[in-house]
Amino acid sequence: MAPAGPAASWTPLSEGAELLAEEGLADDEEQHLACDRSTSSRERARGLSLVLAVGLAAIVGAAAIWSSWHRARGGDAAEALQEYDSRANGGWIVASYKDVTGRDPPSSSDASADDADFTIVDDAGSAVVDDKEACSEATPGTSCYENVTWAKTQAIFEHPEWYPGLSMWSSRDKFQRHFHETYPAAQCSRPCPSNEEDTVCDFEFNGAPSTLCFCQLAKNRGCSDMPCACQEGCGDSKWSSPGTVTFKNMHSAWGCSVNTALLTIPRSYITDISYLKTWCPTKMEALLTEMLLAGFIAYTDQFGLGTVEQCIHSAKIVTVKWLHLHTFCPGGHIDGMPSNWDTAWCGQMSRHADAPALAKQAVAWAVSLFGPVPAEPPRTCARMGCGAPAPVGHCSCDPSCVRAGRCCDDFGLTCGA
């Protein structure tokens, strides 16, 4: 809206006649002046009509934009027109700002039109809001941090329906945004943009027949069309999480009041702890955390014990080439574990919050055996090693890669083939 100019001085024609009479002007001169003023009035009227027409066009255009954005949210045009409010406040349309942000716009008494927030619509018809609310990352010791940690490591397993669209793999900032938007008591501010990804290491089975049963229990797509190879059947497990499956171990623990032991495996085909470190380096800790939590929840759900022993065999001595976590009673033993550090990693878990720290311990153990965790999976035989297996979709340095046509570029030079 253009700023208004100085107020105009208008003199009624009747008053003008009296003035003219006092000054001795002739009637014909008065009539001529009145005619000029009438002409001027018509010109002003035409100018005012033009201004009103332009203003009306602007309002109709804004309403059309509002209608387009409203339909993008799922409403129809009639609802959009009902919601649209063309009342001006300080010289700008205010209805869409409040609808999008949930806040009243600044009034003309505390803001100028130059400082106003406007609703902008992108090419797809979506509203882009200039939200001036500061973002921040939840820090340890705050209510928000504790709520995010609890949701990501415990509640997501027990009540996944509380977190639509989220999983164990979702980044912390997405959990923080969930609390910010739905649960004010968590005291979470709007999270800042994060580079953390929700990706998982989803590897299709391409292993030996001896691991087929684990593949079928994990519901891995690489064996979905094969006959069941498990003696106990291949039905759905009672205990499962987004990335893992837990089931009873055929071997029993000893030295326990409850001899039943459980195994937890990833749904993704990962042969052992070294394979996990090599091919899933950025999500290694997250997957181990999920496995530890899944085993703990399943065991305490079944037996009600508050503390459990959990162990992972070294890659050098595993009997079934599918990464698996043993969960059994504290103080007990199974398959030679607990034992020396070069044979297996073991730790005790008493509460859900222990899982992240235990996962870090398991990563440190793997590093002590097999070297540092790489920044990304290897792409050459020089880094991977000759004869090393690789997941489906990656180049390989195993001799079978020649027949499959998926050898890494330096296979011949590095491995002498």
Foldseek 3Di string as FASTA:
>chain_A
DDDDDDDDDDDDLVVVVVVCVVVPHDPVVSVVVVVVVVVVVVVVVVVVVVVVVVVVVVLVVVLVLQQLQVVVVPDHSVVSVVQQDQDDFQHDGFRVLCVVPVDGWDGNVVDHPVPTWDWDADPNSHTDGPDPFDADDDDPPALLVVVLLCCLQPVCQVPVVLPPPDFNLDDSLSSLCVCCPPPCVSVRGNHDDDPRDSDDPAFADDDDPLQLQVLLQLVGPNCVPPPHPDPVDRDHAPFDGPFKGKDWDPWFKPPDPGGIKMKMFTSHAAQFLLSCLQAVVVCQLSVQLNRVSRRVVVVCVVVVDQKWKKKWFHSVDDPHRTTMIMIGHPPIDDPHPPDDLNTMDMDMDRDSSCSSVVSVVVQVSSCVNNNDRDPHHDQACVVQPALHDDTPPGAHRRPCCVVVVRHRPCNCVPVVD
